[in-house]
Protein backbone atom coordinates (compact mmCIF):
# COMPACT_ATOMS: atom_id res chain seq x y z
CA UNK A 1 6.41 -27.75 -3.49
CA UNK A 2 7.12 -29.69 -0.27
CA UNK A 3 7.12 -26.37 1.59
CA UNK A 4 3.56 -25.75 0.41
CA UNK A 5 2.65 -29.25 1.55
CA UNK A 6 4.13 -28.58 4.98
CA UNK A 7 2.13 -25.38 5.29
CA UNK A 8 -1.01 -27.16 4.17
CA UNK A 9 -0.49 -29.76 6.92
CA UNK A 10 -1.21 -26.94 9.37
CA UNK A 11 -3.78 -24.91 7.45
CA UNK A 12 -6.13 -27.51 5.97
CA UNK A 13 -6.89 -29.41 9.20
CA UNK A 14 -7.64 -26.11 10.92
CA UNK A 15 -9.92 -25.01 8.09
CA UNK A 16 -11.64 -28.40 8.12
CA UNK A 17 -12.02 -28.20 11.89
CA UNK A 18 -13.63 -24.78 11.69
CA UNK A 19 -15.87 -25.58 8.73
CA UNK A 20 -16.97 -28.93 10.11
CA UNK A 21 -17.63 -27.43 13.52
CA UNK A 22 -19.73 -24.61 12.09
CA UNK A 23 -21.74 -26.88 9.84
CA UNK A 24 -22.14 -30.13 11.80
CA UNK A 25 -20.99 -29.58 15.36
CA UNK A 26 -18.32 -31.47 17.28
CA UNK A 27 -18.40 -34.64 15.23
CA UNK A 28 -18.25 -32.63 12.02
CA UNK A 29 -15.19 -30.83 13.35
CA UNK A 30 -13.41 -34.14 13.88
CA UNK A 31 -14.28 -35.34 10.38
CA UNK A 32 -13.33 -32.00 8.84
CA UNK A 33 -9.94 -31.98 10.54
CA UNK A 34 -9.30 -35.57 9.46
CA UNK A 35 -10.25 -34.93 5.86
CA UNK A 36 -8.19 -31.73 5.79
CA UNK A 37 -5.19 -33.62 7.13
CA UNK A 38 -5.60 -36.41 4.58
CA UNK A 39 -5.78 -33.95 1.68
CA UNK A 40 -2.76 -32.02 2.96
CA UNK A 41 -0.81 -35.24 3.38
CA UNK A 42 -1.55 -36.26 -0.21
CA UNK A 43 -0.37 -32.86 -1.48
CA UNK A 44 2.78 -33.13 0.62
CA UNK A 45 3.56 -36.64 -0.64
CA UNK A 46 2.96 -35.56 -4.23
CA UNK A 47 5.28 -32.59 -3.83
CA UNK A 48 7.98 -34.63 -2.16
CA UNK A 49 7.78 -37.23 -4.92
CA UNK A 50 8.04 -34.52 -7.60
CA UNK A 51 11.07 -33.03 -5.84
CA UNK A 52 12.67 -36.46 -5.58
CA UNK A 53 12.11 -37.15 -9.27
CA UNK A 54 13.43 -33.72 -10.29
CA UNK A 55 16.67 -34.11 -8.33
CA UNK A 56 17.29 -37.73 -9.28
CA UNK A 57 20.22 -38.10 -11.63
CA UNK A 58 19.94 -41.04 -13.99
């Protein structure tokens, strides 16, 4: 799961940049990249937490 999160850290900001730029111009591209990065970061943190919990030995 963290590997998917790492890949999303590259892909989602680029998709947000392209979509925002096509729809709302330069400022939309900035917002789209920021939102894409935030979503990808949340997925990465969730995956890292799940991996940590799965490997924890209590």
